Amino acid sequence: MTAFDARRIRADIPLLKRQVNGYPITYLDSAASSLPPRTVIEAVGRYFERHHANVHRGVYQTASEATSGYEGAREAIARFVNAPGGAGEVVFTKNATEAFNLLAKSWGAANLGRGDVVLVTEMEHHANIVPWFQLRDQTGIEVRFIPVGDDYRLDLRSIDELMRDVKLVSVAGMSNVLGTINPVKDLAEIAHRHGALIAVDGAQSVAHSPTDVVDLDIDFLAFAGHKMLGPTGIGVLWGRTAILESMPPFLGGGGMIADVRTDGYTAAKSPTRFEAGTPPIGEAFGLGAAVTYLESIGMANVQRHEHELTADALGRLESEFDGRVRVIGPHDTDRRGGVISLDVQGVHPHDVAQVLDQYGVCVRPGHHCAKPLMRRFGLAATVRASFGPYSLTRDTDVLIESLEHAMKMFG
């Protein structure tokens, strides 16, 4: 692909050829799960059709092919995020949630104890909150929160005070509710200045903008394949080599060992030590294809395209509804991504979503696994529309038209 063209990308997405309730599908739920192009679907199918075997054990032809494809995906991911230690720093998990559980139950359990603090934010997904609360209940650590201001951005005025006794800062690269893009590089500098490490939830940010872990100067990064045009069932924890090698295994069993004796075991080196049992091989084939596809269209192009869509949508939502539709998130496009959460006056979010579905519009109602953030703004739920590289301004056209129908129906 020589130039970015959202229409050409749409042509690569089989699901966008569907109709729902007699209408062409308008997919605005990429923050929950993005749509895979045909090359990704074919890569998964090709594994099962031609290469299906377990990895790292068999010496026959298909087993070697399976291992090559699986490890090739790891190398692609390392390149995609500019991992300084290469593929050895890329751990495959089921999803970003499992990546954070691995981080908490391996690094956290081995390095944190009573009196230590993990600093998160009020805008975090539950995946970056609950594992730390579980560790708190087991070890007595404290989980502390950076507040979110009325401008929907992190309030860092008291950050030096908040950093007292902090051993890990764990923060979303981009909010899955607000669309806010957090100042990760600044937070990394603050964390390291106070002797802490920093982990980033990249589930939203990695899928929508260039990611360079060296430039960001972070220590861990978690993200999921299904949010970056890949299949479900596979995620990634990236970590610095020295840190990963110091971490104990998360799960025990086949594949994660160097040796097992009657008096104990010796774990394999990272990343193998964190991938017990049969891994998501077909999904890795698909994720490798997704990375190749994203590289071909260019992540800077994706970011630019979605920025333009978001600016257009924010302006129209503000002008066309006369305050009846409130955007829960920054109203400007500075450090903001293509996630737009809406509070529709007088209409419950689930009712809005059901009406929109009648017009083929796919949005997500609910608390979006971010209940602390919802409570911060006095909300039970929002309707969330979110863009992908295949989104067009006509998707916003249909969204606005169907919102008008929902408001008339319940008005």
Protein backbone atom coordinates (compact mmCIF):
# COMPACT_ATOMS: atom_id res chain seq x y z
CA MET A 1 0.00 0.00 0.00
CA THR A 2 1.76 3.16 -1.22
CA ALA A 3 -0.48 5.80 0.37
CA PHE A 4 -2.98 5.81 3.20
CA ASP A 5 -6.53 5.45 1.92
CA ALA A 6 -9.26 4.54 4.42
CA ARG A 7 -11.53 3.37 1.60
CA ARG A 8 -8.94 0.88 0.41
CA ILE A 9 -8.54 -0.33 3.98
CA ARG A 10 -12.31 -0.75 4.25
CA ALA A 11 -12.22 -2.93 1.15
CA ASP A 12 -9.83 -5.23 3.01
CA ILE A 13 -12.26 -5.72 5.94
CA PRO A 14 -14.79 -8.49 5.22
CA LEU A 15 -17.15 -7.58 8.07
CA LEU A 16 -17.74 -4.10 6.64
CA LYS A 17 -19.50 -5.71 3.68
CA ARG A 18 -22.31 -6.86 5.99
CA GLN A 19 -25.67 -5.23 6.46
CA VAL A 20 -27.44 -5.03 9.83
CA ASN A 21 -31.20 -4.53 9.95
CA GLY A 22 -31.10 -3.64 6.28
CA TYR A 23 -28.43 -0.96 6.69
CA PRO A 24 -24.72 -1.05 5.82
CA ILE A 25 -22.80 -1.69 9.01
CA THR A 26 -21.34 1.44 10.65
CA TYR A 27 -18.63 0.13 12.94
CA LEU A 28 -17.78 2.57 15.74
CA ASP A 29 -16.54 0.18 18.42
CA SER A 30 -12.85 -0.13 17.60
CA ALA A 31 -11.87 0.71 21.19
CA ALA A 32 -13.47 -2.57 22.25
CA SER A 33 -12.25 -4.67 19.33
CA SER A 34 -10.95 -3.63 15.93
CA LEU A 35 -11.84 -5.32 12.65
CA PRO A 36 -9.22 -7.63 11.11
CA PRO A 37 -8.36 -7.34 7.41
CA ARG A 38 -8.53 -10.39 5.20
CA THR A 39 -4.75 -10.91 5.41
CA VAL A 40 -5.06 -11.47 9.17
CA ILE A 41 -7.99 -13.85 8.79
CA GLU A 42 -6.11 -15.76 6.10
CA ALA A 43 -2.96 -15.96 8.23
CA VAL A 44 -4.89 -17.62 11.08
CA GLY A 45 -6.58 -20.00 8.64
CA ARG A 46 -3.30 -20.78 6.91
CA TYR A 47 -1.77 -21.90 10.22
CA PHE A 48 -4.58 -24.39 10.83
CA GLU A 49 -4.68 -25.53 7.20
CA ARG A 50 -0.95 -25.89 6.51
CA HIS A 51 1.20 -25.55 9.63
CA HIS A 52 -0.85 -26.79 12.59
CA ALA A 53 1.50 -28.28 15.18
CA ASN A 54 2.82 -27.39 18.59
CA VAL A 55 5.83 -25.09 18.83
CA HIS A 56 9.36 -25.45 20.22
CA ARG A 57 9.22 -29.26 20.49
CA GLY A 58 8.64 -31.16 17.25
CA VAL A 59 11.36 -31.53 14.63
CA TYR A 60 9.05 -32.49 11.76
CA GLN A 61 8.30 -30.00 8.96
CA THR A 62 4.98 -28.54 10.11
CA ALA A 63 6.24 -28.18 13.70
CA SER A 64 9.25 -26.24 12.43
CA GLU A 65 6.94 -24.05 10.34
CA ALA A 66 4.67 -23.41 13.32
CA THR A 67 7.62 -22.41 15.48
CA SER A 68 8.99 -20.15 12.75
CA GLY A 69 5.66 -18.35 12.36
CA TYR A 70 5.15 -18.03 16.10
CA GLU A 71 8.61 -16.61 16.71
CA GLY A 72 8.34 -14.47 13.59
CA ALA A 73 5.32 -12.76 15.14
CA ARG A 74 7.37 -12.07 18.27
CA GLU A 75 10.08 -10.48 16.14
CA ALA A 76 7.47 -8.37 14.33
CA ILE A 77 6.08 -7.08 17.62
CA ALA A 78 9.57 -6.24 18.87
CA ARG A 79 10.18 -4.22 15.71
CA PHE A 80 6.78 -2.56 15.95
CA VAL A 81 7.42 -1.11 19.43
CA ASN A 82 11.22 -0.72 18.94
CA ALA A 83 12.13 -3.15 21.72
CA PRO A 84 15.82 -2.49 22.43
CA GLY A 85 16.45 -6.09 23.46
CA GLY A 86 14.64 -7.54 20.48
CA ALA A 87 12.18 -10.44 20.49
CA GLY A 88 13.41 -11.72 23.86
CA GLU A 89 11.58 -8.82 25.50
CA VAL A 90 8.18 -9.77 24.04
CA VAL A 91 6.02 -12.08 26.15
CA PHE A 92 2.82 -13.44 24.62
CA THR A 93 -0.26 -13.53 26.85
CA LYS A 94 -4.01 -14.03 26.25
CA ASN A 95 -4.72 -10.30 26.34
CA ALA A 96 -3.66 -7.07 28.04
CA THR A 97 -5.53 -8.09 31.18
CA GLU A 98 -3.42 -11.22 31.55
CA ALA A 99 -0.32 -9.12 30.90
CA PHE A 100 -1.12 -6.95 33.91
CA ASN A 101 -1.89 -9.99 36.03
CA LEU A 102 1.47 -11.45 35.05
CA LEU A 103 3.17 -8.18 35.98
CA ALA A 104 1.42 -7.95 39.36
CA LYS A 105 1.76 -11.60 40.35
CA SER A 106 5.34 -12.00 39.14
CA TRP A 107 7.24 -8.72 39.39
CA GLY A 108 4.87 -7.22 41.95
CA ALA A 109 4.77 -10.21 44.31
CA ALA A 110 8.56 -10.57 44.14
CA ASN A 111 9.45 -6.89 44.61
CA LEU A 112 6.69 -5.18 46.59
CA GLY A 113 5.67 -5.42 50.23
CA ARG A 114 3.97 -3.54 53.02
CA GLY A 115 4.73 0.18 52.78
CA ASP A 116 5.32 0.12 49.02
CA VAL A 117 2.97 1.97 46.67
CA VAL A 118 1.68 1.33 43.16
CA LEU A 119 0.47 4.58 41.61
CA VAL A 120 -2.29 4.34 39.02
CA THR A 121 -4.84 6.88 37.76
CA GLU A 122 -8.57 7.42 38.10
CA MET A 123 -8.99 6.79 34.37
CA GLU A 124 -7.55 3.27 34.34
CA HIS A 125 -9.28 0.22 32.91
CA HIS A 126 -10.06 -2.36 35.59
CA ALA A 127 -7.26 -4.51 34.14
CA ASN A 128 -4.78 -1.98 35.55
CA ILE A 129 -6.53 -1.66 38.91
CA VAL A 130 -7.87 -5.01 40.11
CA PRO A 131 -4.55 -6.96 39.92
CA TRP A 132 -2.94 -4.32 42.13
CA PHE A 133 -5.81 -4.52 44.62
CA GLN A 134 -5.38 -8.29 44.67
CA LEU A 135 -1.68 -7.80 45.41
CA ARG A 136 -2.60 -5.27 48.10
CA ASP A 137 -4.83 -7.84 49.79
CA GLN A 138 -2.01 -10.40 49.72
CA THR A 139 1.00 -8.27 50.67
CA GLY A 140 -0.25 -5.03 52.23
CA ILE A 141 0.94 -2.64 49.52
CA GLU A 142 -0.93 0.60 48.90
CA VAL A 143 -2.68 1.43 45.64
CA ARG A 144 -2.76 5.19 45.11
CA PHE A 145 -4.56 7.17 42.40
CA ILE A 146 -3.59 10.22 40.35
CA PRO A 147 -6.80 12.28 40.10
CA VAL A 148 -8.45 13.32 36.85
CA GLY A 149 -9.29 17.02 36.55
CA ASP A 150 -12.48 18.61 35.30
CA ASP A 151 -10.71 19.01 31.94
CA TYR A 152 -10.57 15.18 31.69
CA ARG A 153 -6.79 15.16 31.96
CA LEU A 154 -4.51 13.97 34.75
CA ASP A 155 -4.11 16.46 37.57
CA LEU A 156 -0.35 16.34 38.21
CA ARG A 157 -0.10 19.34 40.52
CA SER A 158 0.66 17.11 43.53
CA ILE A 159 2.63 14.47 41.68
CA ASP A 160 5.78 14.74 43.80
CA GLU A 161 3.72 14.18 46.96
CA LEU A 162 1.85 11.31 45.32
CA MET A 163 5.19 9.69 44.42
CA ARG A 164 6.14 9.13 48.07
CA ASP A 165 7.10 5.43 48.51
CA VAL A 166 5.97 4.60 44.97
CA LYS A 167 7.75 1.65 43.40
CA LEU A 168 5.66 1.44 40.21
CA VAL A 169 3.66 3.95 38.19
CA SER A 170 1.11 2.15 36.00
CA VAL A 171 -0.82 4.34 33.60
CA ALA A 172 -2.93 4.15 30.43
CA GLY A 173 -1.30 5.50 27.31
CA MET A 174 -4.76 6.56 26.19
CA SER A 175 -8.04 6.41 28.10
CA ASN A 176 -10.56 3.96 26.68
CA VAL A 177 -13.36 6.26 27.90
CA LEU A 178 -12.12 9.85 27.59
CA GLY A 179 -9.80 9.52 24.63
CA THR A 180 -7.23 11.44 26.71
CA ILE A 181 -3.63 10.73 25.66
CA ASN A 182 -1.52 10.82 28.79
CA PRO A 183 1.98 12.40 28.98
CA VAL A 184 3.73 9.05 29.29
CA LYS A 185 7.20 10.39 28.57
CA ASP A 186 6.87 13.01 31.33
CA LEU A 187 5.50 10.43 33.75
CA ALA A 188 8.42 8.12 32.94
CA GLU A 189 10.87 10.88 33.81
CA ILE A 190 9.04 11.55 37.08
CA ALA A 191 8.90 7.86 37.98
CA HIS A 192 12.58 7.25 37.30
CA ARG A 193 13.59 10.41 39.14
CA HIS A 194 11.86 8.97 42.22
CA GLY A 195 13.45 5.54 41.77
CA ALA A 196 10.27 3.87 40.49
CA LEU A 197 9.50 1.85 37.38
CA ILE A 198 6.71 2.68 34.95
CA ALA A 199 4.24 0.37 33.18
CA VAL A 200 1.95 1.54 30.39
CA ASP A 201 -1.41 0.15 29.38
CA GLY A 202 -1.06 0.48 25.62
CA ALA A 203 -4.30 -1.30 24.71
CA GLN A 204 -5.62 1.89 23.08
CA SER A 205 -2.45 3.82 22.26
CA VAL A 206 -0.48 1.08 20.47
CA ALA A 207 -3.33 0.52 18.02
CA HIS A 208 -3.70 4.15 16.99
CA SER A 209 -0.28 5.86 17.02
CA PRO A 210 3.43 5.07 16.63
CA THR A 211 4.94 3.43 19.73
CA ASP A 212 8.63 3.56 20.62
CA VAL A 213 9.45 2.18 24.06
CA VAL A 214 12.97 3.59 23.87
CA ASP A 215 11.78 7.12 23.17
CA LEU A 216 9.11 6.86 25.87
CA ASP A 217 11.73 5.48 28.31
CA ILE A 218 9.24 3.07 29.91
CA ASP A 219 9.86 -0.26 31.62
CA PHE A 220 6.75 -2.30 30.75
CA LEU A 221 4.07 -2.09 28.04
CA ALA A 222 0.90 -4.19 27.83
CA PHE A 223 -1.42 -4.38 24.82
CA ALA A 224 -3.84 -6.70 23.02
CA GLY A 225 -3.91 -8.09 19.48
CA HIS A 226 -7.63 -7.68 18.91
CA LYS A 227 -7.42 -3.89 19.32
CA MET A 228 -4.76 -3.60 16.59
CA LEU A 229 -6.50 -5.41 13.70
CA GLY A 230 -5.40 -8.80 15.05
CA PRO A 231 -7.28 -11.80 16.43
CA THR A 232 -8.68 -12.20 19.92
CA GLY A 233 -6.93 -14.47 22.39
CA ILE A 234 -3.45 -12.96 22.19
CA GLY A 235 -1.81 -10.05 23.98
CA VAL A 236 1.68 -8.82 24.79
CA LEU A 237 3.72 -7.81 27.79
CA TRP A 238 6.90 -6.04 26.75
CA GLY A 239 9.53 -5.50 29.42
CA ARG A 240 13.18 -4.60 29.65
CA THR A 241 15.44 -7.65 29.42
CA ALA A 242 17.11 -7.24 32.80
CA ILE A 243 13.76 -6.85 34.57
CA LEU A 244 12.12 -9.81 32.85
CA GLU A 245 15.09 -12.05 33.65
CA SER A 246 14.74 -11.15 37.34
CA MET A 247 11.02 -12.01 37.47
CA PRO A 248 9.78 -15.44 38.62
CA PRO A 249 7.41 -17.43 36.38
CA PHE A 250 3.72 -16.60 36.57
CA LEU A 251 2.43 -20.07 35.62
CA GLY A 252 4.13 -23.46 35.96
CA GLY A 253 4.07 -26.47 33.67
CA GLY A 254 5.35 -27.56 30.30
CA GLY A 255 7.43 -25.28 28.14
CA MET A 256 8.52 -22.78 30.81
CA ILE A 257 11.33 -24.83 32.30
CA ALA A 258 15.03 -25.39 31.72
CA ASP A 259 14.99 -28.44 34.00
CA VAL A 260 12.73 -30.31 36.42
CA ARG A 261 14.10 -32.63 39.12
CA THR A 262 12.65 -34.46 42.09
CA ASP A 263 13.94 -31.66 44.31
CA GLY A 264 12.68 -28.71 42.27
CA TYR A 265 12.90 -26.99 38.90
CA THR A 266 14.87 -24.37 37.01
CA ALA A 267 12.92 -21.86 34.92
CA ALA A 268 13.80 -21.13 31.33
CA LYS A 269 15.02 -17.72 30.27
CA SER A 270 12.56 -14.97 29.38
CA PRO A 271 10.23 -14.89 27.50
CA THR A 272 9.84 -18.69 27.54
CA ARG A 273 9.53 -18.79 31.33
CA PHE A 274 6.29 -16.81 31.10
CA GLU A 275 4.63 -18.93 28.38
CA ALA A 276 3.69 -22.19 30.09
CA GLY A 277 1.73 -24.76 28.12
CA THR A 278 0.61 -24.58 24.51
CA PRO A 279 0.50 -20.90 23.51
CA PRO A 280 -1.93 -19.14 21.11
CA ILE A 281 -0.09 -20.19 17.96
CA GLY A 282 -2.70 -19.47 15.31
CA GLU A 283 -3.41 -16.15 16.99
CA ALA A 284 0.29 -15.27 16.85
CA PHE A 285 0.27 -15.92 13.10
CA GLY A 286 -2.66 -13.49 12.86
CA LEU A 287 -1.01 -10.87 15.05
CA GLY A 288 2.15 -11.03 12.96
CA ALA A 289 0.03 -10.39 9.87
CA ALA A 290 -1.74 -7.50 11.62
CA VAL A 291 1.58 -5.86 12.45
CA THR A 292 2.72 -6.21 8.86
CA TYR A 293 -0.54 -4.65 7.67
CA LEU A 294 -0.30 -1.73 10.12
CA GLU A 295 3.29 -1.09 9.09
CA SER A 296 2.23 -1.05 5.43
CA ILE A 297 -0.35 1.70 6.04
CA GLY A 298 1.84 3.57 8.55
CA MET A 299 0.97 4.29 12.16
CA ALA A 300 1.61 8.01 11.72
CA ASN A 301 -0.99 7.94 8.93
CA VAL A 302 -3.45 6.12 11.16
CA GLN A 303 -2.94 8.71 13.89
CA ARG A 304 -3.40 11.60 11.46
CA HIS A 305 -6.52 10.09 9.91
CA GLU A 306 -8.20 9.42 13.24
CA HIS A 307 -7.25 12.88 14.52
CA GLU A 308 -9.07 14.44 11.57
CA LEU A 309 -12.14 12.23 12.11
CA THR A 310 -12.20 13.08 15.80
CA ALA A 311 -11.92 16.83 15.21
CA ASP A 312 -14.77 16.67 12.72
CA ALA A 313 -16.98 14.57 15.01
CA LEU A 314 -16.38 16.73 18.10
CA GLY A 315 -17.25 19.90 16.19
CA ARG A 316 -20.45 18.46 14.77
CA LEU A 317 -21.62 16.89 18.02
CA GLU A 318 -21.20 20.26 19.72
CA SER A 319 -22.93 22.29 17.00
CA GLU A 320 -25.79 20.02 15.98
CA PHE A 321 -27.28 19.02 19.32
CA ASP A 322 -27.38 22.33 21.20
CA GLY A 323 -26.00 20.85 24.42
CA ARG A 324 -28.32 17.83 24.45
CA VAL A 325 -25.37 15.51 23.80
CA ARG A 326 -22.43 15.95 26.16
CA VAL A 327 -18.96 14.70 25.27
CA ILE A 328 -17.27 13.07 28.29
CA GLY A 329 -13.67 13.81 27.43
CA PRO A 330 -11.49 16.65 26.18
CA HIS A 331 -13.36 18.90 23.75
CA ASP A 332 -10.20 19.80 21.86
CA THR A 333 -8.01 17.44 19.85
CA ASP A 334 -4.73 18.25 21.59
CA ARG A 335 -3.37 14.98 23.02
CA ARG A 336 -6.63 13.24 22.29
CA GLY A 337 -7.49 10.03 20.45
CA GLY A 338 -10.51 8.78 18.54
CA VAL A 339 -12.61 7.60 21.49
CA ILE A 340 -15.73 9.71 22.05
CA SER A 341 -17.95 8.97 25.06
CA LEU A 342 -21.40 10.57 25.03
CA ASP A 343 -23.98 11.39 27.65
CA VAL A 344 -27.29 11.84 25.79
CA GLN A 345 -29.73 14.04 27.68
CA GLY A 346 -32.71 12.10 28.98
CA VAL A 347 -31.82 8.79 27.32
CA HIS A 348 -30.10 5.83 28.98
CA PRO A 349 -26.92 4.75 27.15
CA HIS A 350 -28.23 1.24 26.56
CA ASP A 351 -31.40 2.64 25.00
CA VAL A 352 -29.31 4.86 22.74
CA ALA A 353 -27.18 1.91 21.65
CA GLN A 354 -30.22 -0.26 20.91
CA VAL A 355 -31.77 2.42 18.73
CA LEU A 356 -28.47 2.96 16.92
CA ASP A 357 -28.26 -0.77 16.25
CA GLN A 358 -31.53 -0.52 14.32
CA TYR A 359 -29.61 1.65 11.85
CA GLY A 360 -26.59 -0.65 11.70
CA VAL A 361 -24.49 1.53 14.02
CA CYS A 362 -22.17 -0.36 16.40
CA VAL A 363 -21.32 1.58 19.57
CA ARG A 364 -20.62 0.47 23.12
CA PRO A 365 -22.86 1.43 26.08
CA GLY A 366 -21.72 0.86 29.66
CA HIS A 367 -19.06 1.73 32.19
CA HIS A 368 -16.29 0.45 29.88
CA CYS A 369 -14.48 -1.33 32.73
CA ALA A 370 -13.66 2.06 34.25
CA LYS A 371 -15.99 2.42 37.24
CA PRO A 372 -13.72 4.71 39.30
CA LEU A 373 -13.70 7.15 36.38
CA MET A 374 -17.48 6.94 36.01
CA ARG A 375 -17.92 7.73 39.70
CA ARG A 376 -15.50 10.64 39.36
CA PHE A 377 -17.88 12.28 36.89
CA GLY A 378 -21.13 11.13 38.46
CA LEU A 379 -22.06 8.75 35.66
CA ALA A 380 -23.28 5.18 35.56
CA ALA A 381 -22.50 4.70 31.88
CA THR A 382 -21.87 6.43 28.57
CA VAL A 383 -22.35 5.63 24.89
CA ARG A 384 -18.92 5.26 23.34
CA ALA A 385 -18.11 5.68 19.66
CA SER A 386 -14.55 4.95 18.57
CA PHE A 387 -12.69 5.14 15.29
CA GLY A 388 -10.25 2.86 13.49
CA PRO A 389 -8.09 3.24 10.38
CA TYR A 390 -11.06 2.09 8.27
CA SER A 391 -13.45 4.76 9.64
CA LEU A 392 -14.83 7.53 7.42
CA THR A 393 -16.64 10.83 7.98
CA ARG A 394 -19.77 9.12 6.65
CA ASP A 395 -19.68 6.95 9.79
CA THR A 396 -20.05 10.15 11.79
CA ASP A 397 -22.89 11.19 9.47
CA VAL A 398 -24.80 8.01 10.29
CA LEU A 399 -23.98 8.31 13.99
CA ILE A 400 -25.45 11.82 14.17
CA GLU A 401 -28.54 10.88 12.15
CA SER A 402 -29.25 7.86 14.34
CA LEU A 403 -28.65 9.87 17.53
CA GLU A 404 -31.36 12.27 16.33
CA HIS A 405 -33.74 9.33 15.92
CA ALA A 406 -32.93 8.04 19.42
CA MET A 407 -33.54 11.44 21.01
CA LYS A 408 -36.87 11.85 19.17
CA MET A 409 -37.96 8.38 20.19
CA PHE A 410 -37.27 9.02 23.89
CA GLY A 411 -37.92 12.78 23.87
